[in-house]
All heavy atoms as atom14 arrays in JSON, in Angstrom:
{
  "sequence": "AALGLVLVLAVLTYSRYSLLVEAALTEAAKPSTEAALADSGPVF",
  "atom14_mask": [
    [1, 1, 1, 1, 1, 0, 0, 0, 0, 0, 0, 0, 0, 0],
    [1, 1, 1, 1, 1, 0, 0, 0, 0, 0, 0, 0, 0, 0],
    [1, 1, 1, 1, 1, 1, 1, 1, 0, 0, 0, 0, 0, 0],
    [1, 1, 1, 1, 0, 0, 0, 0, 0, 0, 0, 0, 0, 0],
    [1, 1, 1, 1, 1, 1, 1, 1, 0, 0, 0, 0, 0, 0],
    [1, 1, 1, 1, 1, 1, 1, 0, 0, 0, 0, 0, 0, 0],
    [1, 1, 1, 1, 1, 1, 1, 1, 0, 0, 0, 0, 0, 0],
    [1, 1, 1, 1, 1, 1, 1, 0, 0, 0, 0, 0, 0, 0],
    [1, 1, 1, 1, 1, 1, 1, 1, 0, 0, 0, 0, 0, 0],
    [1, 1, 1, 1, 1, 0, 0, 0, 0, 0, 0, 0, 0, 0],
    [1, 1, 1, 1, 1, 1, 1, 0, 0, 0, 0, 0, 0, 0],
    [1, 1, 1, 1, 1, 1, 1, 1, 0, 0, 0, 0, 0, 0],
    [1, 1, 1, 1, 1, 1, 1, 0, 0, 0, 0, 0, 0, 0],
    [1, 1, 1, 1, 1, 1, 1, 1, 1, 1, 1, 1, 0, 0],
    [1, 1, 1, 1, 1, 1, 0, 0, 0, 0, 0, 0, 0, 0],
    [1, 1, 1, 1, 1, 1, 1, 1, 1, 1, 1, 0, 0, 0],
    [1, 1, 1, 1, 1, 1, 1, 1, 1, 1, 1, 1, 0, 0],
    [1, 1, 1, 1, 1, 1, 0, 0, 0, 0, 0, 0, 0, 0],
    [1, 1, 1, 1, 1, 1, 1, 1, 0, 0, 0, 0, 0, 0],
    [1, 1, 1, 1, 1, 1, 1, 1, 0, 0, 0, 0, 0, 0],
    [1, 1, 1, 1, 1, 1, 1, 0, 0, 0, 0, 0, 0, 0],
    [1, 1, 1, 1, 1, 1, 1, 1, 1, 0, 0, 0, 0, 0],
    [1, 1, 1, 1, 1, 0, 0, 0, 0, 0, 0, 0, 0, 0],
    [1, 1, 1, 1, 1, 0, 0, 0, 0, 0, 0, 0, 0, 0],
    [1, 1, 1, 1, 1, 1, 1, 1, 0, 0, 0, 0, 0, 0],
    [1, 1, 1, 1, 1, 1, 1, 0, 0, 0, 0, 0, 0, 0],
    [1, 1, 1, 1, 1, 1, 1, 1, 1, 0, 0, 0, 0, 0],
    [1, 1, 1, 1, 1, 0, 0, 0, 0, 0, 0, 0, 0, 0],
    [1, 1, 1, 1, 1, 0, 0, 0, 0, 0, 0, 0, 0, 0],
    [1, 1, 1, 1, 1, 1, 1, 1, 1, 0, 0, 0, 0, 0],
    [1, 1, 1, 1, 1, 1, 1, 0, 0, 0, 0, 0, 0, 0],
    [1, 1, 1, 1, 1, 1, 0, 0, 0, 0, 0, 0, 0, 0],
    [1, 1, 1, 1, 1, 1, 1, 0, 0, 0, 0, 0, 0, 0],
    [1, 1, 1, 1, 1, 1, 1, 1, 1, 0, 0, 0, 0, 0],
    [1, 1, 1, 1, 1, 0, 0, 0, 0, 0, 0, 0, 0, 0],
    [1, 1, 1, 1, 1, 0, 0, 0, 0, 0, 0, 0, 0, 0],
    [1, 1, 1, 1, 1, 1, 1, 1, 0, 0, 0, 0, 0, 0],
    [1, 1, 1, 1, 1, 0, 0, 0, 0, 0, 0, 0, 0, 0],
    [1, 1, 1, 1, 1, 1, 1, 1, 0, 0, 0, 0, 0, 0],
    [1, 1, 1, 1, 1, 1, 0, 0, 0, 0, 0, 0, 0, 0],
    [1, 1, 1, 1, 0, 0, 0, 0, 0, 0, 0, 0, 0, 0],
    [1, 1, 1, 1, 1, 1, 1, 0, 0, 0, 0, 0, 0, 0],
    [1, 1, 1, 1, 1, 1, 1, 0, 0, 0, 0, 0, 0, 0],
    [1, 1, 1, 1, 1, 1, 1, 1, 1, 1, 1, 0, 0, 0]
  ],
  "atom14_positions": [
    [[-117.44, -202.74, -119.86], [-116.25, -202.43, -120.63], [-115.64, -203.71, -121.24], [-115.15, -203.68, -122.38], [-115.25, -201.7, -119.75], [0.0, 0.0, 0.0], [0.0, 0.0, 0.0], [0.0, 0.0, 0.0], [0.0, 0.0, 0.0], [0.0, 0.0, 0.0], [0.0, 0.0, 0.0], [0.0, 0.0, 0.0], [0.0, 0.0, 0.0], [0.0, 0.0, 0.0]],
    [[-115.65, -204.79, -120.48], [-115.11, -206.05, -120.98], [-115.95, -206.54, -122.19], [-115.36, -207.0, -123.2], [-115.08, -207.12, -119.9], [0.0, 0.0, 0.0], [0.0, 0.0, 0.0], [0.0, 0.0, 0.0], [0.0, 0.0, 0.0], [0.0, 0.0, 0.0], [0.0, 0.0, 0.0], [0.0, 0.0, 0.0], [0.0, 0.0, 0.0], [0.0, 0.0, 0.0]],
    [[-117.26, -206.44, -122.11], [-118.12, -206.82, -123.23], [-117.88, -205.93, -124.44], [-117.81, -206.4, -125.58], [-119.58, -206.77, -122.84], [-120.09, -207.86, -121.91], [-121.53, -207.58, -121.52], [-120.0, -209.18, -122.59], [0.0, 0.0, 0.0], [0.0, 0.0, 0.0], [0.0, 0.0, 0.0], [0.0, 0.0, 0.0], [0.0, 0.0, 0.0], [0.0, 0.0, 0.0]],
    [[-117.67, -204.67, -124.19], [-117.32, -203.73, -125.3], [-116.0, -204.08, -125.9], [-115.84, -203.98, -127.14], [0.0, 0.0, 0.0], [0.0, 0.0, 0.0], [0.0, 0.0, 0.0], [0.0, 0.0, 0.0], [0.0, 0.0, 0.0], [0.0, 0.0, 0.0], [0.0, 0.0, 0.0], [0.0, 0.0, 0.0], [0.0, 0.0, 0.0], [0.0, 0.0, 0.0]],
    [[-115.01, -204.46, -125.09], [-113.71, -204.88, -125.61], [-113.81, -206.1, -126.47], [-113.15, -206.2, -127.52], [-112.75, -205.1, -124.45], [-111.32, -205.51, -124.83], [-110.67, -204.4, -125.72], [-110.49, -205.77, -123.58], [0.0, 0.0, 0.0], [0.0, 0.0, 0.0], [0.0, 0.0, 0.0], [0.0, 0.0, 0.0], [0.0, 0.0, 0.0], [0.0, 0.0, 0.0]],
    [[-114.63, -207.08, -126.09], [-114.88, -208.29, -126.89], [-115.43, -207.87, -128.27], [-115.02, -208.4, -129.3], [-115.76, -209.3, -126.16], [-116.19, -210.4, -127.09], [-115.03, -209.85, -124.93], [0.0, 0.0, 0.0], [0.0, 0.0, 0.0], [0.0, 0.0, 0.0], [0.0, 0.0, 0.0], [0.0, 0.0, 0.0], [0.0, 0.0, 0.0], [0.0, 0.0, 0.0]],
    [[-116.38, -206.96, -128.24], [-116.98, -206.51, -129.5], [-115.94, -205.78, -130.39], [-115.87, -206.08, -131.59], [-118.15, -205.57, -129.22], [-118.85, -204.98, -130.45], [-119.44, -206.06, -131.3], [-119.88, -203.96, -130.03], [0.0, 0.0, 0.0], [0.0, 0.0, 0.0], [0.0, 0.0, 0.0], [0.0, 0.0, 0.0], [0.0, 0.0, 0.0], [0.0, 0.0, 0.0]],
    [[-115.15, -204.95, -129.79], [-114.09, -204.23, -130.56], [-113.08, -205.22, -131.12], [-112.68, -205.11, -132.3], [-113.41, -203.15, -129.67], [-112.14, -202.64, -130.3], [-114.39, -202.03, -129.38], [0.0, 0.0, 0.0], [0.0, 0.0, 0.0], [0.0, 0.0, 0.0], [0.0, 0.0, 0.0], [0.0, 0.0, 0.0], [0.0, 0.0, 0.0], [0.0, 0.0, 0.0]],
    [[-112.67, -206.21, -130.33], [-111.71, -207.2, -130.84], [-112.33, -208.01, -131.99], [-111.6, -208.32, -132.95], [-111.34, -208.13, -129.7], [-110.39, -207.56, -128.63], [-110.23, -208.54, -127.48], [-109.04, -207.23, -129.25], [0.0, 0.0, 0.0], [0.0, 0.0, 0.0], [0.0, 0.0, 0.0], [0.0, 0.0, 0.0], [0.0, 0.0, 0.0], [0.0, 0.0, 0.0]],
    [[-113.61, -208.3, -131.9], [-114.24, -209.07, -132.99], [-114.29, -208.24, -134.27], [-114.04, -208.73, -135.36], [-115.66, -209.49, -132.61], [0.0, 0.0, 0.0], [0.0, 0.0, 0.0], [0.0, 0.0, 0.0], [0.0, 0.0, 0.0], [0.0, 0.0, 0.0], [0.0, 0.0, 0.0], [0.0, 0.0, 0.0], [0.0, 0.0, 0.0], [0.0, 0.0, 0.0]],
    [[-114.6, -206.95, -134.15], [-114.64, -206.07, -135.32], [-113.26, -205.95, -135.95], [-113.11, -206.0, -137.18], [-115.26, -204.7, -134.95], [-115.05, -203.7, -136.05], [-116.72, -204.82, -134.63], [0.0, 0.0, 0.0], [0.0, 0.0, 0.0], [0.0, 0.0, 0.0], [0.0, 0.0, 0.0], [0.0, 0.0, 0.0], [0.0, 0.0, 0.0], [0.0, 0.0, 0.0]],
    [[-112.23, -205.76, -135.1], [-110.87, -205.65, -135.6], [-110.42, -206.96, -136.3], [-109.76, -206.94, -137.34], [-109.92, -205.28, -134.46], [-110.05, -203.87, -133.92], [-109.14, -203.7, -132.71], [-109.76, -202.82, -134.99], [0.0, 0.0, 0.0], [0.0, 0.0, 0.0], [0.0, 0.0, 0.0], [0.0, 0.0, 0.0], [0.0, 0.0, 0.0], [0.0, 0.0, 0.0]],
    [[-110.77, -208.07, -135.67], [-110.41, -209.38, -136.26], [-111.12, -209.56, -137.6], [-110.5, -210.03, -138.58], [-110.79, -210.52, -135.31], [-110.13, -210.31, -134.04], [-110.38, -211.86, -135.85], [0.0, 0.0, 0.0], [0.0, 0.0, 0.0], [0.0, 0.0, 0.0], [0.0, 0.0, 0.0], [0.0, 0.0, 0.0], [0.0, 0.0, 0.0], [0.0, 0.0, 0.0]],
    [[-112.38, -209.23, -137.66], [-113.11, -209.38, -138.94], [-112.51, -208.48, -140.0], [-112.35, -208.91, -141.15], [-114.61, -209.05, -138.76], [-115.33, -209.13, -140.1], [-115.71, -210.33, -140.59], [-115.6, -207.99, -140.85], [-116.35, -210.44, -141.82], [-116.19, -208.09, -142.09], [-116.58, -209.31, -142.53], [-117.2, -209.39, -143.76], [0.0, 0.0, 0.0], [0.0, 0.0, 0.0]],
    [[-112.17, -207.23, -139.66], [-111.65, -206.34, -140.67], [-110.29, -206.83, -141.15], [-109.98, -206.76, -142.36], [-111.55, -204.91, -140.13], [-110.65, -204.85, -139.04], [0.0, 0.0, 0.0], [0.0, 0.0, 0.0], [0.0, 0.0, 0.0], [0.0, 0.0, 0.0], [0.0, 0.0, 0.0], [0.0, 0.0, 0.0], [0.0, 0.0, 0.0], [0.0, 0.0, 0.0]],
    [[-109.5, -207.38, -140.24], [-108.2, -207.93, -140.68], [-108.38, -209.15, -141.58], [-107.74, -209.29, -142.64], [-107.36, -208.35, -139.44], [-106.06, -208.99, -139.8], [-105.27, -209.31, -138.51], [-104.01, -209.96, -138.87], [-103.8, -211.28, -138.72], [-104.73, -212.05, -138.23], [-102.65, -211.81, -139.08], [0.0, 0.0, 0.0], [0.0, 0.0, 0.0], [0.0, 0.0, 0.0]],
    [[-109.26, -210.06, -141.18], [-109.45, -211.29, -141.99], [-110.18, -210.99, -143.29], [-109.96, -211.7, -144.27], [-110.17, -212.34, -141.19], [-109.19, -213.21, -140.45], [-108.89, -212.95, -139.16], [-108.55, -214.25, -141.1], [-107.95, -213.71, -138.46], [-107.6, -215.01, -140.42], [-107.32, -214.77, -139.13], [-106.41, -215.5, -138.46], [0.0, 0.0, 0.0], [0.0, 0.0, 0.0]],
    [[-111.03, -209.97, -143.37], [-111.68, -209.68, -144.62], [-110.63, -209.25, -145.65], [-110.72, -209.59, -146.84], [-112.75, -208.63, -144.47], [-112.21, -207.39, -144.09], [0.0, 0.0, 0.0], [0.0, 0.0, 0.0], [0.0, 0.0, 0.0], [0.0, 0.0, 0.0], [0.0, 0.0, 0.0], [0.0, 0.0, 0.0], [0.0, 0.0, 0.0], [0.0, 0.0, 0.0]],
    [[-109.63, -208.46, -145.21], [-108.56, -208.06, -146.14], [-107.71, -209.26, -146.54], [-107.34, -209.42, -147.72], [-107.68, -206.99, -145.49], [-108.36, -205.65, -145.2], [-107.42, -204.75, -144.43], [-108.81, -205.0, -146.48], [0.0, 0.0, 0.0], [0.0, 0.0, 0.0], [0.0, 0.0, 0.0], [0.0, 0.0, 0.0], [0.0, 0.0, 0.0], [0.0, 0.0, 0.0]],
    [[-107.38, -210.14, -145.56], [-106.57, -211.31, -145.89], [-107.28, -212.27, -146.81], [-106.67, -212.84, -147.74], [-106.17, -212.03, -144.59], [-105.17, -211.31, -143.65], [-105.02, -212.11, -142.35], [-103.84, -211.17, -144.37], [0.0, 0.0, 0.0], [0.0, 0.0, 0.0], [0.0, 0.0, 0.0], [0.0, 0.0, 0.0], [0.0, 0.0, 0.0], [0.0, 0.0, 0.0]],
    [[-108.56, -212.46, -146.61], [-109.33, -213.38, -147.45], [-109.44, -212.85, -148.88], [-109.31, -213.59, -149.83], [-110.7, -213.65, -146.83], [-111.65, -214.35, -147.79], [-110.56, -214.5, -145.56], [0.0, 0.0, 0.0], [0.0, 0.0, 0.0], [0.0, 0.0, 0.0], [0.0, 0.0, 0.0], [0.0, 0.0, 0.0], [0.0, 0.0, 0.0], [0.0, 0.0, 0.0]],
    [[-109.7, -211.55, -148.98], [-109.79, -210.95, -150.33], [-108.45, -211.13, -151.08], [-108.46, -211.52, -152.23], [-110.14, -209.5, -150.23], [-111.58, -209.2, -149.88], [-112.55, -209.62, -150.97], [-112.18, -209.68, -152.14], [-113.69, -209.93, -150.59], [0.0, 0.0, 0.0], [0.0, 0.0, 0.0], [0.0, 0.0, 0.0], [0.0, 0.0, 0.0], [0.0, 0.0, 0.0]],
    [[-107.33, -210.91, -150.39], [-106.03, -211.07, -151.03], [-105.81, -212.55, -151.37], [-105.26, -212.86, -152.45], [-104.95, -210.6, -150.09], [0.0, 0.0, 0.0], [0.0, 0.0, 0.0], [0.0, 0.0, 0.0], [0.0, 0.0, 0.0], [0.0, 0.0, 0.0], [0.0, 0.0, 0.0], [0.0, 0.0, 0.0], [0.0, 0.0, 0.0], [0.0, 0.0, 0.0]],
    [[-106.2, -213.48, -150.51], [-105.99, -214.91, -150.8], [-106.87, -215.36, -151.95], [-106.41, -216.16, -152.78], [-106.3, -215.72, -149.53], [0.0, 0.0, 0.0], [0.0, 0.0, 0.0], [0.0, 0.0, 0.0], [0.0, 0.0, 0.0], [0.0, 0.0, 0.0], [0.0, 0.0, 0.0], [0.0, 0.0, 0.0], [0.0, 0.0, 0.0], [0.0, 0.0, 0.0]],
    [[-108.12, -214.88, -152.03], [-109.0, -215.26, -153.12], [-108.46, -214.72, -154.44], [-108.55, -215.37, -155.49], [-110.39, -214.82, -152.85], [-111.16, -215.58, -151.75], [-112.52, -214.92, -151.52], [-111.31, -217.0, -152.11], [0.0, 0.0, 0.0], [0.0, 0.0, 0.0], [0.0, 0.0, 0.0], [0.0, 0.0, 0.0], [0.0, 0.0, 0.0], [0.0, 0.0, 0.0]],
    [[-107.93, -213.51, -154.41], [-107.37, -212.92, -155.6], [-106.15, -213.71, -156.06], [-105.97, -213.99, -157.26], [-106.96, -211.44, -155.36], [-108.11, -210.75, -154.91], [-106.44, -210.78, -156.59], [0.0, 0.0, 0.0], [0.0, 0.0, 0.0], [0.0, 0.0, 0.0], [0.0, 0.0, 0.0], [0.0, 0.0, 0.0], [0.0, 0.0, 0.0], [0.0, 0.0, 0.0]],
    [[-105.3, -214.08, -155.1], [-104.09, -214.89, -155.41], [-104.5, -216.25, -155.95], [-103.86, -216.77, -156.87], [-103.2, -214.98, -154.18], [-101.9, -215.65, -154.42], [-100.95, -214.85, -155.34], [-101.06, -213.62, -155.34], [-100.14, -215.48, -156.02], [0.0, 0.0, 0.0], [0.0, 0.0, 0.0], [0.0, 0.0, 0.0], [0.0, 0.0, 0.0], [0.0, 0.0, 0.0]],
    [[-105.5, -216.87, -155.37], [-105.92, -218.19, -155.79], [-106.54, -218.2, -157.19], [-106.53, -219.2, -157.9], [-106.91, -218.8, -154.78], [0.0, 0.0, 0.0], [0.0, 0.0, 0.0], [0.0, 0.0, 0.0], [0.0, 0.0, 0.0], [0.0, 0.0, 0.0], [0.0, 0.0, 0.0], [0.0, 0.0, 0.0], [0.0, 0.0, 0.0], [0.0, 0.0, 0.0]],
    [[-107.07, -217.07, -157.61], [-107.72, -216.98, -158.92], [-106.68, -216.87, -160.03], [-107.0, -217.14, -161.17], [-108.65, -215.75, -158.96], [0.0, 0.0, 0.0], [0.0, 0.0, 0.0], [0.0, 0.0, 0.0], [0.0, 0.0, 0.0], [0.0, 0.0, 0.0], [0.0, 0.0, 0.0], [0.0, 0.0, 0.0], [0.0, 0.0, 0.0], [0.0, 0.0, 0.0]],
    [[-105.44, -216.52, -159.71], [-104.39, -216.41, -160.74], [-103.97, -217.83, -161.15], [-103.89, -218.73, -160.37], [-103.18, -215.7, -160.18], [-103.43, -214.24, -159.87], [-102.19, -213.6, -159.33], [-102.42, -212.16, -158.96], [-101.24, -211.55, -158.3], [0.0, 0.0, 0.0], [0.0, 0.0, 0.0], [0.0, 0.0, 0.0], [0.0, 0.0, 0.0], [0.0, 0.0, 0.0]],
    [[-103.75, -218.01, -162.48], [-103.29, -219.32, -162.93], [-101.9, -219.64, -162.42], [-101.04, -218.76, -162.36], [-103.35, -219.22, -164.45], [-103.32, -217.75, -164.75], [-103.91, -217.06, -163.55], [0.0, 0.0, 0.0], [0.0, 0.0, 0.0], [0.0, 0.0, 0.0], [0.0, 0.0, 0.0], [0.0, 0.0, 0.0], [0.0, 0.0, 0.0], [0.0, 0.0, 0.0]],
    [[-101.69, -220.87, -162.03], [-100.39, -221.28, -161.5], [-99.89, -222.48, -162.28], [-100.64, -223.42, -162.55], [-100.52, -221.62, -160.04], [-99.28, -222.1, -159.53], [0.0, 0.0, 0.0], [0.0, 0.0, 0.0], [0.0, 0.0, 0.0], [0.0, 0.0, 0.0], [0.0, 0.0, 0.0], [0.0, 0.0, 0.0], [0.0, 0.0, 0.0], [0.0, 0.0, 0.0]],
    [[-98.61, -222.48, -162.64], [-98.02, -223.61, -163.33], [-97.23, -224.51, -162.42], [-96.76, -225.56, -162.84], [-97.08, -223.09, -164.46], [-96.05, -222.28, -163.86], [-97.85, -222.32, -165.47], [0.0, 0.0, 0.0], [0.0, 0.0, 0.0], [0.0, 0.0, 0.0], [0.0, 0.0, 0.0], [0.0, 0.0, 0.0], [0.0, 0.0, 0.0], [0.0, 0.0, 0.0]],
    [[-97.11, -224.16, -161.14], [-96.34, -224.97, -160.2], [-97.2, -226.14, -159.75], [-98.39, -226.0, -159.47], [-95.96, -224.12, -158.98], [-95.06, -222.94, -159.32], [-94.75, -222.12, -158.08], [-95.0, -222.6, -156.96], [-94.29, -221.01, -158.3], [0.0, 0.0, 0.0], [0.0, 0.0, 0.0], [0.0, 0.0, 0.0], [0.0, 0.0, 0.0], [0.0, 0.0, 0.0]],
    [[-96.58, -227.29, -159.65], [-97.26, -228.48, -159.16], [-97.35, -228.41, -157.64], [-96.44, -227.92, -156.98], [-96.53, -229.73, -159.58], [0.0, 0.0, 0.0], [0.0, 0.0, 0.0], [0.0, 0.0, 0.0], [0.0, 0.0, 0.0], [0.0, 0.0, 0.0], [0.0, 0.0, 0.0], [0.0, 0.0, 0.0], [0.0, 0.0, 0.0], [0.0, 0.0, 0.0]],
    [[-98.44, -228.9, -157.12], [-98.61, -228.97, -155.67], [-97.68, -230.02, -155.08], [-97.58, -231.11, -155.58], [-100.07, -229.26, -155.32], [0.0, 0.0, 0.0], [0.0, 0.0, 0.0], [0.0, 0.0, 0.0], [0.0, 0.0, 0.0], [0.0, 0.0, 0.0], [0.0, 0.0, 0.0], [0.0, 0.0, 0.0], [0.0, 0.0, 0.0], [0.0, 0.0, 0.0]],
    [[-96.99, -229.64, -154.01], [-96.1, -230.59, -153.34], [-96.88, -231.41, -152.38], [-97.8, -230.97, -151.71], [-95.02, -229.8, -152.59], [-94.09, -228.94, -153.46], [-93.16, -228.13, -152.57], [-93.33, -229.78, -154.41], [0.0, 0.0, 0.0], [0.0, 0.0, 0.0], [0.0, 0.0, 0.0], [0.0, 0.0, 0.0], [0.0, 0.0, 0.0], [0.0, 0.0, 0.0]],
    [[-96.51, -232.66, -152.27], [-97.11, -233.61, -151.33], [-96.73, -233.2, -149.9], [-95.58, -232.86, -149.66], [-96.72, -235.05, -151.62], [0.0, 0.0, 0.0], [0.0, 0.0, 0.0], [0.0, 0.0, 0.0], [0.0, 0.0, 0.0], [0.0, 0.0, 0.0], [0.0, 0.0, 0.0], [0.0, 0.0, 0.0], [0.0, 0.0, 0.0], [0.0, 0.0, 0.0]],
    [[-97.66, -233.28, -148.99], [-97.38, -232.95, -147.59], [-96.69, -234.12, -146.93], [-97.23, -235.19, -146.79], [-98.7, -232.6, -146.86], [-98.44, -232.16, -145.44], [-97.33, -231.68, -145.16], [-99.35, -232.25, -144.64], [0.0, 0.0, 0.0], [0.0, 0.0, 0.0], [0.0, 0.0, 0.0], [0.0, 0.0, 0.0], [0.0, 0.0, 0.0], [0.0, 0.0, 0.0]],
    [[-95.44, -233.91, -146.55], [-94.7, -234.97, -145.88], [-94.38, -234.57, -144.44], [-93.47, -235.12, -143.84], [-93.41, -235.28, -146.63], [-92.6, -234.11, -146.67], [0.0, 0.0, 0.0], [0.0, 0.0, 0.0], [0.0, 0.0, 0.0], [0.0, 0.0, 0.0], [0.0, 0.0, 0.0], [0.0, 0.0, 0.0], [0.0, 0.0, 0.0], [0.0, 0.0, 0.0]],
    [[-95.14, -233.62, -143.92], [-94.89, -233.17, -142.55], [-95.52, -234.09, -141.49], [-95.95, -235.19, -141.8], [0.0, 0.0, 0.0], [0.0, 0.0, 0.0], [0.0, 0.0, 0.0], [0.0, 0.0, 0.0], [0.0, 0.0, 0.0], [0.0, 0.0, 0.0], [0.0, 0.0, 0.0], [0.0, 0.0, 0.0], [0.0, 0.0, 0.0], [0.0, 0.0, 0.0]],
    [[-95.55, -233.65, -140.27], [-96.13, -234.45, -139.2], [-97.63, -234.68, -139.41], [-98.27, -233.95, -140.18], [-95.88, -233.63, -137.93], [-95.67, -232.21, -138.41], [-95.1, -232.34, -139.8], [0.0, 0.0, 0.0], [0.0, 0.0, 0.0], [0.0, 0.0, 0.0], [0.0, 0.0, 0.0], [0.0, 0.0, 0.0], [0.0, 0.0, 0.0], [0.0, 0.0, 0.0]],
    [[-98.16, -235.66, -138.69], [-99.56, -236.0, -138.83], [-100.43, -234.83, -138.39], [-101.42, -234.49, -139.03], [-99.88, -237.26, -137.98], [-101.38, -237.54, -138.0], [-99.11, -238.44, -138.51], [0.0, 0.0, 0.0], [0.0, 0.0, 0.0], [0.0, 0.0, 0.0], [0.0, 0.0, 0.0], [0.0, 0.0, 0.0], [0.0, 0.0, 0.0], [0.0, 0.0, 0.0]],
    [[-100.09, -234.16, -137.29], [-100.86, -233.0, -136.83], [-99.92, -231.82, -136.78], [-98.87, -231.85, -136.21], [-101.46, -233.25, -135.5], [-102.2, -232.04, -134.99], [-103.46, -231.75, -135.45], [-101.61, -231.14, -134.08], [-104.15, -230.65, -135.01], [-102.29, -230.0, -133.68], [-103.57, -229.77, -134.14], [0.0, 0.0, 0.0], [0.0, 0.0, 0.0], [0.0, 0.0, 0.0]]
  ]
}
């Protein structure tokens, strides 16, 4: 049952990330006029 749970969690994680990645790739393909801000945060 634990092995089955690991498999189910992996499938759920993949389905969630496939939707997020598709949305991010669609958003990244749109032209943007905003300049990228320099990262001034912590080193890590």
